[in-house]
N, C-alpha and C. Protein backbone atom coordinates (compact mmCIF):
# COMPACT_ATOMS: atom_id res chain seq x y z
N MET A 1 16.10 12.55 -1.08
CA MET A 1 15.36 11.60 -1.87
C MET A 1 13.98 12.21 -2.17
N THR A 2 13.56 12.12 -3.40
CA THR A 2 12.29 12.71 -3.80
C THR A 2 11.14 11.75 -3.49
N LEU A 3 9.93 12.29 -3.49
CA LEU A 3 8.74 11.48 -3.22
C LEU A 3 8.59 10.38 -4.25
N GLU A 4 8.89 10.69 -5.49
CA GLU A 4 8.77 9.68 -6.54
C GLU A 4 9.72 8.50 -6.30
N ALA A 5 10.92 8.80 -5.87
CA ALA A 5 11.90 7.75 -5.58
C ALA A 5 11.46 6.91 -4.38
N ILE A 6 10.90 7.55 -3.39
CA ILE A 6 10.43 6.83 -2.21
C ILE A 6 9.29 5.90 -2.60
N ILE A 7 8.33 6.41 -3.37
CA ILE A 7 7.20 5.58 -3.79
C ILE A 7 7.69 4.40 -4.62
N MET A 8 8.64 4.63 -5.54
CA MET A 8 9.16 3.56 -6.38
C MET A 8 9.85 2.49 -5.53
N LEU A 9 10.68 2.92 -4.61
CA LEU A 9 11.42 1.96 -3.78
C LEU A 9 10.49 1.17 -2.88
N VAL A 10 9.56 1.85 -2.22
CA VAL A 10 8.62 1.16 -1.35
C VAL A 10 7.75 0.21 -2.15
N THR A 11 7.30 0.62 -3.31
CA THR A 11 6.46 -0.23 -4.15
C THR A 11 7.19 -1.51 -4.54
N MET A 12 8.46 -1.39 -4.94
CA MET A 12 9.24 -2.57 -5.31
C MET A 12 9.41 -3.52 -4.14
N ILE A 13 9.75 -2.99 -2.98
CA ILE A 13 9.99 -3.83 -1.81
C ILE A 13 8.70 -4.50 -1.35
N VAL A 14 7.62 -3.72 -1.23
CA VAL A 14 6.35 -4.30 -0.78
C VAL A 14 5.83 -5.32 -1.78
N THR A 15 5.94 -5.05 -3.07
CA THR A 15 5.48 -5.98 -4.09
C THR A 15 6.28 -7.28 -4.02
N PHE A 16 7.57 -7.20 -3.80
CA PHE A 16 8.41 -8.39 -3.69
C PHE A 16 7.97 -9.25 -2.52
N PHE A 17 7.81 -8.63 -1.34
CA PHE A 17 7.42 -9.40 -0.15
C PHE A 17 5.98 -9.92 -0.25
N CYS A 18 5.10 -9.13 -0.83
CA CYS A 18 3.72 -9.60 -1.03
C CYS A 18 3.69 -10.80 -1.98
N GLY A 19 4.54 -10.78 -2.98
CA GLY A 19 4.63 -11.92 -3.91
C GLY A 19 5.11 -13.18 -3.22
N LEU A 20 6.07 -13.02 -2.34
CA LEU A 20 6.57 -14.18 -1.59
C LEU A 20 5.48 -14.74 -0.68
N ILE A 21 4.75 -13.87 -0.02
CA ILE A 21 3.68 -14.32 0.87
C ILE A 21 2.54 -14.96 0.05
N ALA A 22 2.21 -14.38 -1.10
CA ALA A 22 1.12 -14.89 -1.93
C ALA A 22 1.39 -16.28 -2.44
N LYS A 23 2.64 -16.65 -2.61
CA LYS A 23 2.97 -18.00 -3.06
C LYS A 23 2.64 -19.04 -2.00
N LYS A 24 2.66 -18.63 -0.72
CA LYS A 24 2.47 -19.56 0.37
C LYS A 24 1.06 -19.52 0.97
N VAL A 25 0.36 -18.38 0.87
CA VAL A 25 -0.93 -18.22 1.52
C VAL A 25 -1.98 -17.91 0.45
N SER A 26 -2.93 -18.83 0.25
CA SER A 26 -3.90 -18.65 -0.82
C SER A 26 -4.85 -17.48 -0.52
N TRP A 27 -5.22 -17.25 0.74
CA TRP A 27 -6.11 -16.14 1.08
C TRP A 27 -5.47 -14.81 0.70
N PHE A 28 -4.18 -14.66 0.96
CA PHE A 28 -3.47 -13.43 0.64
C PHE A 28 -3.41 -13.24 -0.86
N ASN A 29 -3.29 -14.31 -1.60
CA ASN A 29 -3.20 -14.23 -3.05
C ASN A 29 -4.46 -13.63 -3.66
N THR A 30 -5.64 -13.92 -3.11
CA THR A 30 -6.89 -13.41 -3.68
C THR A 30 -7.13 -11.95 -3.31
N ASN A 31 -6.49 -11.45 -2.27
CA ASN A 31 -6.68 -10.07 -1.82
C ASN A 31 -5.40 -9.26 -1.94
N LEU A 32 -4.51 -9.66 -2.82
CA LEU A 32 -3.17 -9.08 -2.90
C LEU A 32 -3.17 -7.60 -3.22
N ILE A 33 -3.86 -7.15 -4.21
CA ILE A 33 -3.78 -5.76 -4.68
C ILE A 33 -4.27 -4.78 -3.63
N PRO A 34 -5.43 -4.98 -3.01
CA PRO A 34 -5.86 -4.01 -1.98
C PRO A 34 -4.92 -3.95 -0.79
N ILE A 35 -4.46 -5.09 -0.33
CA ILE A 35 -3.54 -5.12 0.81
C ILE A 35 -2.24 -4.43 0.46
N GLN A 36 -1.77 -4.68 -0.74
CA GLN A 36 -0.54 -4.05 -1.21
C GLN A 36 -0.70 -2.54 -1.28
N ASN A 37 -1.84 -2.05 -1.77
CA ASN A 37 -2.07 -0.60 -1.83
C ASN A 37 -2.06 0.02 -0.45
N ILE A 38 -2.69 -0.63 0.50
CA ILE A 38 -2.71 -0.09 1.86
C ILE A 38 -1.31 -0.05 2.44
N MET A 39 -0.56 -1.12 2.27
CA MET A 39 0.80 -1.17 2.83
C MET A 39 1.67 -0.09 2.20
N ILE A 40 1.62 0.06 0.88
CA ILE A 40 2.44 1.07 0.20
C ILE A 40 2.04 2.46 0.67
N GLY A 41 0.76 2.72 0.73
CA GLY A 41 0.28 4.04 1.16
C GLY A 41 0.72 4.41 2.57
N VAL A 42 0.58 3.48 3.49
CA VAL A 42 0.97 3.74 4.88
C VAL A 42 2.47 3.95 4.99
N ILE A 43 3.25 3.07 4.39
CA ILE A 43 4.71 3.17 4.50
C ILE A 43 5.23 4.47 3.89
N VAL A 44 4.73 4.81 2.68
CA VAL A 44 5.18 6.02 2.01
C VAL A 44 4.77 7.26 2.81
N ALA A 45 3.55 7.29 3.33
CA ALA A 45 3.09 8.42 4.11
C ALA A 45 3.94 8.61 5.37
N VAL A 46 4.25 7.54 6.03
CA VAL A 46 5.08 7.64 7.25
C VAL A 46 6.50 8.10 6.91
N ILE A 47 7.10 7.51 5.89
CA ILE A 47 8.46 7.91 5.50
C ILE A 47 8.49 9.38 5.09
N GLU A 48 7.52 9.77 4.26
CA GLU A 48 7.49 11.16 3.80
C GLU A 48 7.28 12.13 4.95
N TRP A 49 6.44 11.76 5.89
CA TRP A 49 6.20 12.63 7.05
C TRP A 49 7.46 12.72 7.93
N ILE A 50 8.16 11.62 8.11
CA ILE A 50 9.39 11.62 8.92
C ILE A 50 10.45 12.50 8.26
N ILE A 51 10.60 12.41 6.95
CA ILE A 51 11.63 13.17 6.26
C ILE A 51 11.29 14.66 6.20
N THR A 52 10.06 14.99 5.80
CA THR A 52 9.74 16.39 5.55
C THR A 52 8.93 17.07 6.64
N ARG A 53 8.31 16.29 7.51
CA ARG A 53 7.38 16.83 8.53
C ARG A 53 6.27 17.63 7.86
N ASP A 54 6.00 17.33 6.60
CA ASP A 54 4.95 18.00 5.84
C ASP A 54 3.74 17.10 5.82
N PHE A 55 2.77 17.44 6.63
CA PHE A 55 1.60 16.59 6.78
C PHE A 55 0.72 16.59 5.53
N SER A 56 0.74 17.69 4.76
CA SER A 56 -0.10 17.73 3.57
C SER A 56 0.34 16.71 2.51
N THR A 57 1.61 16.46 2.40
CA THR A 57 2.09 15.45 1.46
C THR A 57 1.70 14.06 1.93
N ALA A 58 1.80 13.84 3.22
CA ALA A 58 1.39 12.54 3.77
C ALA A 58 -0.09 12.31 3.53
N ILE A 59 -0.89 13.35 3.64
CA ILE A 59 -2.32 13.23 3.35
C ILE A 59 -2.57 12.94 1.88
N ALA A 60 -1.80 13.55 1.00
CA ALA A 60 -1.95 13.30 -0.42
C ALA A 60 -1.68 11.84 -0.76
N VAL A 61 -0.73 11.25 -0.08
CA VAL A 61 -0.40 9.85 -0.32
C VAL A 61 -1.50 8.93 0.20
N SER A 62 -2.34 9.45 1.06
CA SER A 62 -3.39 8.61 1.61
C SER A 62 -4.38 8.12 0.56
N GLY A 63 -4.30 8.65 -0.65
CA GLY A 63 -5.12 8.14 -1.76
C GLY A 63 -4.85 6.66 -2.02
N LEU A 64 -3.59 6.26 -1.90
CA LEU A 64 -3.27 4.84 -2.03
C LEU A 64 -3.94 4.04 -0.94
N ILE A 65 -3.92 4.60 0.26
CA ILE A 65 -4.54 3.90 1.39
C ILE A 65 -6.04 3.77 1.18
N ALA A 66 -6.68 4.87 0.81
CA ALA A 66 -8.13 4.87 0.62
C ALA A 66 -8.54 3.90 -0.49
N GLY A 67 -7.77 3.89 -1.56
CA GLY A 67 -8.08 2.96 -2.66
C GLY A 67 -7.99 1.52 -2.22
N GLY A 68 -7.00 1.19 -1.43
CA GLY A 68 -6.84 -0.16 -0.92
C GLY A 68 -7.96 -0.55 0.02
N ILE A 69 -8.36 0.37 0.90
CA ILE A 69 -9.43 0.06 1.84
C ILE A 69 -10.75 -0.14 1.08
N TYR A 70 -11.02 0.70 0.10
CA TYR A 70 -12.22 0.53 -0.71
C TYR A 70 -12.23 -0.82 -1.42
N ASP A 71 -11.10 -1.19 -1.99
CA ASP A 71 -11.02 -2.46 -2.71
C ASP A 71 -11.24 -3.65 -1.79
N ILE A 72 -10.71 -3.59 -0.59
CA ILE A 72 -10.92 -4.69 0.37
C ILE A 72 -12.39 -4.80 0.72
N GLY A 73 -13.03 -3.66 1.01
CA GLY A 73 -14.46 -3.69 1.32
C GLY A 73 -15.27 -4.24 0.17
N HIS A 74 -14.96 -3.82 -1.05
CA HIS A 74 -15.65 -4.28 -2.24
C HIS A 74 -15.46 -5.77 -2.44
N ASN A 75 -14.24 -6.26 -2.26
CA ASN A 75 -13.97 -7.68 -2.43
C ASN A 75 -14.67 -8.52 -1.35
N LEU A 76 -14.73 -8.02 -0.13
CA LEU A 76 -15.40 -8.77 0.93
C LEU A 76 -16.90 -8.88 0.66
N GLN A 77 -17.49 -7.84 0.10
CA GLN A 77 -18.91 -7.89 -0.24
C GLN A 77 -19.16 -8.88 -1.36
N LYS A 78 -18.27 -8.99 -2.31
CA LYS A 78 -18.43 -9.94 -3.41
C LYS A 78 -18.28 -11.38 -2.93
N MET A 79 -17.51 -11.60 -1.86
CA MET A 79 -17.29 -12.94 -1.36
C MET A 79 -18.49 -13.50 -0.60
N LYS A 80 -19.38 -12.61 -0.13
CA LYS A 80 -20.54 -13.06 0.67
C LYS A 80 -21.56 -13.77 -0.16
């Protein structure tokens, strides 16, 4: 399975479950995108590392994680 296929599959699954949670929890709904980015980044990095044992690819995927963490920090500052 290629990295693109893994990212696509994980993104679809995480987005589906995040959508279900967002319908029930209003707090999650307002912070959906950053949390979703973090979850996708972590899951894809772990799966890719398990399959290939190539740490450099897992680090490259950490861009999704970093983007999500930045967005959460930015949103929390706006809420104050």
